[in-house]
Amino acid sequence: MARVTIEDCLKNVDNRFTLVHLAAKRVRQVREGAELLVQRTKNGDVVTVLREIAANRIVAKPKPDNQEK
């Protein structure tokens, strides 16, 4: 993948809000020592994490509906 775009990531994530939260959480994990799921490039952690999301290696768990009546 030559260049990662938001559109590439949004194919695997519902919306931009979820994408931001997912990427931020994953960047923290990587900076704390978690292994990368794609090959590291000369780019920073954020770009590498976005590449993971675009490659569908990272997925967001849907929140359960807690709407009991």
PDB file of N, CA and C in Angstrom:
ATOM      1  N   MET A   1       0.857  -1.169   0.000  1.00  0.00           N
ATOM      2  CA  MET A   1       0.000   0.000   0.000  1.00  0.00           C
ATOM      3  C   MET A   1       0.905   1.234   0.000  1.00  0.00           C
ATOM      4  N   ALA A   2       0.838   1.990  -1.064  1.00  0.00           N
ATOM      5  CA  ALA A   2       1.714   3.140  -1.206  1.00  0.00           C
ATOM      6  C   ALA A   2       1.310   4.282  -0.287  1.00  0.00           C
ATOM      7  N   ARG A   3       0.024   4.541  -0.197  1.00  0.00           N
ATOM      8  CA  ARG A   3      -0.426   5.661   0.614  1.00  0.00           C
ATOM      9  C   ARG A   3      -1.743   5.261   1.268  1.00  0.00           C
ATOM     10  N   VAL A   4      -1.843   5.477   2.560  1.00  0.00           N
ATOM     11  CA  VAL A   4      -3.075   5.141   3.263  1.00  0.00           C
ATOM     12  C   VAL A   4      -3.962   6.382   3.287  1.00  0.00           C
ATOM     13  N   THR A   5      -5.259   6.189   3.054  1.00  0.00           N
ATOM     14  CA  THR A   5      -6.195   7.305   3.090  1.00  0.00           C
ATOM     15  C   THR A   5      -7.306   7.001   4.088  1.00  0.00           C
ATOM     16  N   ILE A   6      -8.002   8.032   4.466  1.00  0.00           N
ATOM     17  CA  ILE A   6      -9.135   7.876   5.369  1.00  0.00           C
ATOM     18  C   ILE A   6     -10.199   6.992   4.718  1.00  0.00           C
ATOM     19  N   GLU A   7     -10.378   7.157   3.422  1.00  0.00           N
ATOM     20  CA  GLU A   7     -11.365   6.351   2.710  1.00  0.00           C
ATOM     21  C   GLU A   7     -11.025   4.870   2.775  1.00  0.00           C
ATOM     22  N   ASP A   8      -9.724   4.532   2.712  1.00  0.00           N
ATOM     23  CA  ASP A   8      -9.306   3.138   2.849  1.00  0.00           C
ATOM     24  C   ASP A   8      -9.714   2.590   4.209  1.00  0.00           C
ATOM     25  N   CYS A   9      -9.552   3.398   5.234  1.00  0.00           N
ATOM     26  CA  CYS A   9      -9.890   2.967   6.596  1.00  0.00           C
ATOM     27  C   CYS A   9     -11.399   2.887   6.798  1.00  0.00           C
ATOM     28  N   LEU A  10     -12.141   3.815   6.202  1.00  0.00           N
ATOM     29  CA  LEU A  10     -13.587   3.850   6.399  1.00  0.00           C
ATOM     30  C   LEU A  10     -14.297   2.676   5.738  1.00  0.00           C
ATOM     31  N   LYS A  11     -13.618   1.945   4.882  1.00  0.00           N
ATOM     32  CA  LYS A  11     -14.200   0.727   4.318  1.00  0.00           C
ATOM     33  C   LYS A  11     -14.350  -0.341   5.396  1.00  0.00           C
ATOM     34  N   ASN A  12     -13.564  -0.229   6.472  1.00  0.00           N
ATOM     35  CA  ASN A  12     -13.549  -1.233   7.528  1.00  0.00           C
ATOM     36  C   ASN A  12     -14.096  -0.720   8.859  1.00  0.00           C
ATOM     37  N   VAL A  13     -14.422   0.568   8.925  1.00  0.00           N
ATOM     38  CA  VAL A  13     -14.919   1.184  10.158  1.00  0.00           C
ATOM     39  C   VAL A  13     -16.188   1.953   9.807  1.00  0.00           C
ATOM     40  N   ASP A  14     -17.135   1.999  10.737  1.00  0.00           N
ATOM     41  CA  ASP A  14     -18.435   2.616  10.468  1.00  0.00           C
ATOM     42  C   ASP A  14     -18.370   4.100  10.135  1.00  0.00           C
ATOM     43  N   ASN A  15     -17.622   4.868  10.933  1.00  0.00           N
ATOM     44  CA  ASN A  15     -17.591   6.314  10.727  1.00  0.00           C
ATOM     45  C   ASN A  15     -16.272   6.901  11.215  1.00  0.00           C
ATOM     46  N   ARG A  16     -16.064   8.178  10.962  1.00  0.00           N
ATOM     47  CA  ARG A  16     -14.805   8.835  11.312  1.00  0.00           C
ATOM     48  C   ARG A  16     -14.586   8.897  12.821  1.00  0.00           C
ATOM     49  N   PHE A  17     -15.658   9.081  13.577  1.00  0.00           N
ATOM     50  CA  PHE A  17     -15.558   9.135  15.027  1.00  0.00           C
ATOM     51  C   PHE A  17     -14.982   7.825  15.565  1.00  0.00           C
ATOM     52  N   THR A  18     -15.515   6.720  15.108  1.00  0.00           N
ATOM     53  CA  THR A  18     -15.020   5.411  15.521  1.00  0.00           C
ATOM     54  C   THR A  18     -13.583   5.212  15.059  1.00  0.00           C
ATOM     55  N   LEU A  19     -13.268   5.672  13.869  1.00  0.00           N
ATOM     56  CA  LEU A  19     -11.911   5.554  13.345  1.00  0.00           C
ATOM     57  C   LEU A  19     -10.905   6.281  14.232  1.00  0.00           C
ATOM     58  N   VAL A  20     -11.236   7.481  14.649  1.00  0.00           N
ATOM     59  CA  VAL A  20     -10.331   8.260  15.504  1.00  0.00           C
ATOM     60  C   VAL A  20     -10.105   7.558  16.832  1.00  0.00           C
ATOM     61  N   HIS A  21     -11.170   7.077  17.449  1.00  0.00           N
ATOM     62  CA  HIS A  21     -11.038   6.397  18.734  1.00  0.00           C
ATOM     63  C   HIS A  21     -10.271   5.087  18.606  1.00  0.00           C
ATOM     64  N   LEU A  22     -10.551   4.342  17.568  1.00  0.00           N
ATOM     65  CA  LEU A  22      -9.871   3.079  17.336  1.00  0.00           C
ATOM     66  C   LEU A  22      -8.377   3.307  17.099  1.00  0.00           C
ATOM     67  N   ALA A  23      -8.051   4.277  16.267  1.00  0.00           N
ATOM     68  CA  ALA A  23      -6.648   4.569  15.957  1.00  0.00           C
ATOM     69  C   ALA A  23      -5.909   5.079  17.194  1.00  0.00           C
ATOM     70  N   ALA A  24      -6.543   5.956  17.960  1.00  0.00           N
ATOM     71  CA  ALA A  24      -5.887   6.500  19.155  1.00  0.00           C
ATOM     72  C   ALA A  24      -5.592   5.400  20.172  1.00  0.00           C
ATOM     73  N   LYS A  25      -6.551   4.505  20.376  1.00  0.00           N
ATOM     74  CA  LYS A  25      -6.341   3.408  21.319  1.00  0.00           C
ATOM     75  C   LYS A  25      -5.224   2.481  20.846  1.00  0.00           C
ATOM     76  N   ARG A  26      -5.213   2.187  19.560  1.00  0.00           N
ATOM     77  CA  ARG A  26      -4.183   1.298  19.015  1.00  0.00           C
ATOM     78  C   ARG A  26      -2.796   1.942  19.060  1.00  0.00           C
ATOM     79  N   VAL A  27      -2.703   3.243  18.796  1.00  0.00           N
ATOM     80  CA  VAL A  27      -1.409   3.934  18.882  1.00  0.00           C
ATOM     81  C   VAL A  27      -0.872   3.840  20.305  1.00  0.00           C
ATOM     82  N   ARG A  28      -1.737   4.021  21.295  1.00  0.00           N
ATOM     83  CA  ARG A  28      -1.290   3.883  22.695  1.00  0.00           C
ATOM     84  C   ARG A  28      -0.769   2.483  22.952  1.00  0.00           C
ATOM     85  N   GLN A  29      -1.461   1.471  22.432  1.00  0.00           N
ATOM     86  CA  GLN A  29      -1.014   0.089  22.611  1.00  0.00           C
ATOM     87  C   GLN A  29       0.355  -0.129  21.978  1.00  0.00           C
ATOM     88  N   VAL A  30       0.540   0.391  20.782  1.00  0.00           N
ATOM     89  CA  VAL A  30       1.820   0.221  20.080  1.00  0.00           C
ATOM     90  C   VAL A  30       2.937   0.919  20.845  1.00  0.00           C
ATOM     91  N   ARG A  31       2.682   2.101  21.326  1.00  0.00           N
ATOM     92  CA  ARG A  31       3.707   2.854  22.065  1.00  0.00           C
ATOM     93  C   ARG A  31       4.035   2.215  23.399  1.00  0.00           C
ATOM     94  N   GLU A  32       3.119   1.405  23.927  1.00  0.00           N
ATOM     95  CA  GLU A  32       3.373   0.686  25.172  1.00  0.00           C
ATOM     96  C   GLU A  32       4.024  -0.669  24.929  1.00  0.00           C
ATOM     97  N   GLY A  33       4.281  -1.007  23.645  1.00  0.00           N
ATOM     98  CA  GLY A  33       5.018  -2.222  23.353  1.00  0.00           C
ATOM     99  C   GLY A  33       4.283  -3.314  22.607  1.00  0.00           C
ATOM    100  N   ALA A  34       3.049  -3.076  22.209  1.00  0.00           N
ATOM    101  CA  ALA A  34       2.303  -4.092  21.462  1.00  0.00           C
ATOM    102  C   ALA A  34       2.947  -4.299  20.088  1.00  0.00           C
ATOM    103  N   GLU A  35       2.851  -5.532  19.598  1.00  0.00           N
ATOM    104  CA  GLU A  35       3.422  -5.842  18.284  1.00  0.00           C
ATOM    105  C   GLU A  35       2.567  -5.253  17.179  1.00  0.00           C
ATOM    106  N   LEU A  36       3.224  -4.810  16.123  1.00  0.00           N
ATOM    107  CA  LEU A  36       2.507  -4.300  14.952  1.00  0.00           C
ATOM    108  C   LEU A  36       1.975  -5.457  14.126  1.00  0.00           C
ATOM    109  N   LEU A  37       0.868  -5.236  13.463  1.00  0.00           N
ATOM    110  CA  LEU A  37       0.243  -6.268  12.642  1.00  0.00           C
ATOM    111  C   LEU A  37       0.543  -6.089  11.158  1.00  0.00           C
ATOM    112  N   VAL A  38       1.233  -5.016  10.812  1.00  0.00           N
ATOM    113  CA  VAL A  38       1.738  -4.787   9.461  1.00  0.00           C
ATOM    114  C   VAL A  38       3.196  -4.390   9.580  1.00  0.00           C
ATOM    115  N   GLN A  39       3.899  -4.415   8.482  1.00  0.00           N
ATOM    116  CA  GLN A  39       5.316  -4.092   8.499  1.00  0.00           C
ATOM    117  C   GLN A  39       5.522  -2.609   8.801  1.00  0.00           C
ATOM    118  N   ARG A  40       6.448  -2.334   9.714  1.00  0.00           N
ATOM    119  CA  ARG A  40       6.748  -0.946  10.071  1.00  0.00           C
ATOM    120  C   ARG A  40       7.460  -0.271   8.911  1.00  0.00           C
ATOM    121  N   THR A  41       7.084   0.978   8.676  1.00  0.00           N
ATOM    122  CA  THR A  41       7.732   1.769   7.645  1.00  0.00           C
ATOM    123  C   THR A  41       8.449   2.933   8.300  1.00  0.00           C
ATOM    124  N   LYS A  42       9.021   3.795   7.495  1.00  0.00           N
ATOM    125  CA  LYS A  42       9.708   4.960   8.047  1.00  0.00           C
ATOM    126  C   LYS A  42       8.733   5.984   8.619  1.00  0.00           C
ATOM    127  N   ASN A  43       7.437   5.785   8.351  1.00  0.00           N
ATOM    128  CA  ASN A  43       6.411   6.686   8.880  1.00  0.00           C
ATOM    129  C   ASN A  43       6.201   6.443  10.366  1.00  0.00           C
ATOM    130  N   GLY A  44       5.473   7.323  10.999  1.00  0.00           N
ATOM    131  CA  GLY A  44       5.245   7.224  12.422  1.00  0.00           C
ATOM    132  C   GLY A  44       4.217   6.176  12.810  1.00  0.00           C
ATOM    133  N   ASP A  45       3.980   6.094  14.114  1.00  0.00           N
ATOM    134  CA  ASP A  45       3.052   5.116  14.665  1.00  0.00           C
ATOM    135  C   ASP A  45       1.624   5.304  14.142  1.00  0.00           C
ATOM    136  N   VAL A  46       1.211   6.556  14.008  1.00  0.00           N
ATOM    137  CA  VAL A  46      -0.168   6.823  13.579  1.00  0.00           C
ATOM    138  C   VAL A  46      -0.401   6.287  12.175  1.00  0.00           C
ATOM    139  N   VAL A  47       0.520   6.543  11.263  1.00  0.00           N
ATOM    140  CA  VAL A  47       0.369   6.063   9.892  1.00  0.00           C
ATOM    141  C   VAL A  47       0.389   4.540   9.855  1.00  0.00           C
ATOM    142  N   THR A  48       1.261   3.945  10.655  1.00  0.00           N
ATOM    143  CA  THR A  48       1.337   2.486  10.700  1.00  0.00           C
ATOM    144  C   THR A  48       0.028   1.891  11.211  1.00  0.00           C
ATOM    145  N   VAL A  49      -0.552   2.499  12.229  1.00  0.00           N
ATOM    146  CA  VAL A  49      -1.833   2.021  12.767  1.00  0.00           C
ATOM    147  C   VAL A  49      -2.947   2.199  11.736  1.00  0.00           C
ATOM    148  N   LEU A  50      -2.953   3.314  11.022  1.00  0.00           N
ATOM    149  CA  LEU A  50      -3.958   3.494   9.971  1.00  0.00           C
ATOM    150  C   LEU A  50      -3.797   2.440   8.884  1.00  0.00           C
ATOM    151  N   ARG A  51      -2.566   2.034   8.611  1.00  0.00           N
ATOM    152  CA  ARG A  51      -2.339   0.956   7.642  1.00  0.00           C
ATOM    153  C   ARG A  51      -2.914  -0.363   8.173  1.00  0.00           C
ATOM    154  N   GLU A  52      -2.790  -0.592   9.483  1.00  0.00           N
ATOM    155  CA  GLU A  52      -3.374  -1.791  10.085  1.00  0.00           C
ATOM    156  C   GLU A  52      -4.894  -1.788   9.917  1.00  0.00           C
ATOM    157  N   ILE A  53      -5.508  -0.641  10.156  1.00  0.00           N
ATOM    158  CA  ILE A  53      -6.963  -0.536  10.043  1.00  0.00           C
ATOM    159  C   ILE A  53      -7.392  -0.714   8.595  1.00  0.00           C
ATOM    160  N   ALA A  54      -6.680  -0.083   7.661  1.00  0.00           N
ATOM    161  CA  ALA A  54      -7.013  -0.207   6.241  1.00  0.00           C
ATOM    162  C   ALA A  54      -6.850  -1.642   5.751  1.00  0.00           C
ATOM    163  N   ALA A  55      -5.899  -2.376   6.341  1.00  0.00           N
ATOM    164  CA  ALA A  55      -5.673  -3.780   5.963  1.00  0.00           C
ATOM    165  C   ALA A  55      -6.632  -4.721   6.681  1.00  0.00           C
ATOM    166  N   ASN A  56      -7.559  -4.148   7.461  1.00  0.00           N
ATOM    167  CA  ASN A  56      -8.556  -4.910   8.214  1.00  0.00           C
ATOM    168  C   ASN A  56      -7.921  -5.838   9.252  1.00  0.00           C
ATOM    169  N   ARG A  57      -6.785  -5.434   9.781  1.00  0.00           N
ATOM    170  CA  ARG A  57      -6.122  -6.198  10.848  1.00  0.00           C
ATOM    171  C   ARG A  57      -6.655  -5.779  12.216  1.00  0.00           C
ATOM    172  N   ILE A  58      -7.209  -4.585  12.298  1.00  0.00           N
ATOM    173  CA  ILE A  58      -7.791  -4.060  13.534  1.00  0.00           C
ATOM    174  C   ILE A  58      -9.258  -3.782  13.251  1.00  0.00           C
ATOM    175  N   VAL A  59     -10.141  -4.282  14.094  1.00  0.00           N
ATOM    176  CA  VAL A  59     -11.572  -4.027  13.924  1.00  0.00           C
ATOM    177  C   VAL A  59     -12.160  -3.556  15.246  1.00  0.00           C
ATOM    178  N   ALA A  60     -13.158  -2.706  15.145  1.00  0.00           N
ATOM    179  CA  ALA A  60     -13.845  -2.202  16.331  1.00  0.00           C
ATOM    180  C   ALA A  60     -14.947  -3.168  16.714  1.00  0.00           C
ATOM    181  N   LYS A  61     -15.051  -3.456  17.996  1.00  0.00           N
ATOM    182  CA  LYS A  61     -16.149  -4.284  18.478  1.00  0.00           C
ATOM    183  C   LYS A  61     -17.391  -3.415  18.592  1.00  0.00           C
ATOM    184  N   PRO A  62     -18.516  -3.868  18.070  1.00  0.00           N
ATOM    185  CA  PRO A  62     -19.736  -3.080  18.215  1.00  0.00           C
ATOM    186  C   PRO A  62     -20.194  -3.089  19.672  1.00  0.00           C
ATOM    187  N   LYS A  63     -20.663  -1.935  20.129  1.00  0.00           N
ATOM    188  CA  LYS A  63     -21.152  -1.862  21.497  1.00  0.00           C
ATOM    189  C   LYS A  63     -22.523  -2.513  21.587  1.00  0.00           C
ATOM    190  N   PRO A  64     -22.733  -3.281  22.629  1.00  0.00           N
ATOM    191  CA  PRO A  64     -24.052  -3.922  22.781  1.00  0.00           C
ATOM    192  C   PRO A  64     -25.118  -2.874  23.111  1.00  0.00           C
ATOM    193  N   ASP A  65     -26.314  -3.097  22.611  1.00  0.00           N
ATOM    194  CA  ASP A  65     -27.422  -2.199  22.918  1.00  0.00           C
ATOM    195  C   ASP A  65     -27.950  -2.525  24.312  1.00  0.00           C
ATOM    196  N   ASN A  66     -27.885  -1.548  25.183  1.00  0.00           N
ATOM    197  CA  ASN A  66     -28.364  -1.732  26.555  1.00  0.00           C
ATOM    198  C   ASN A  66     -29.719  -1.060  26.706  1.00  0.00           C
ATOM    199  N   GLN A  67     -30.596  -1.315  25.803  1.00  0.00           N
ATOM    200  CA  GLN A  67     -31.899  -0.686  25.827  1.00  0.00           C
ATOM    201  C   GLN A  67     -32.957  -1.678  26.289  1.00  0.00           C
ATOM    202  N   GLU A  68     -32.900  -2.018  27.554  1.00  0.00           N
ATOM    203  CA  GLU A  68     -33.904  -2.920  28.119  1.00  0.00           C
ATOM    204  C   GLU A  68     -35.126  -2.116  28.484  1.00  0.00           C
ATOM    205  N   LYS A  69     -36.303  -2.658  28.186  1.00  0.00           N
ATOM    206  CA  LYS A  69     -37.552  -1.929  28.478  1.00  0.00           C
ATOM    207  C   LYS A  69     -38.273  -2.542  29.636  1.00  0.00           C
TER     208      LYS A  69
END
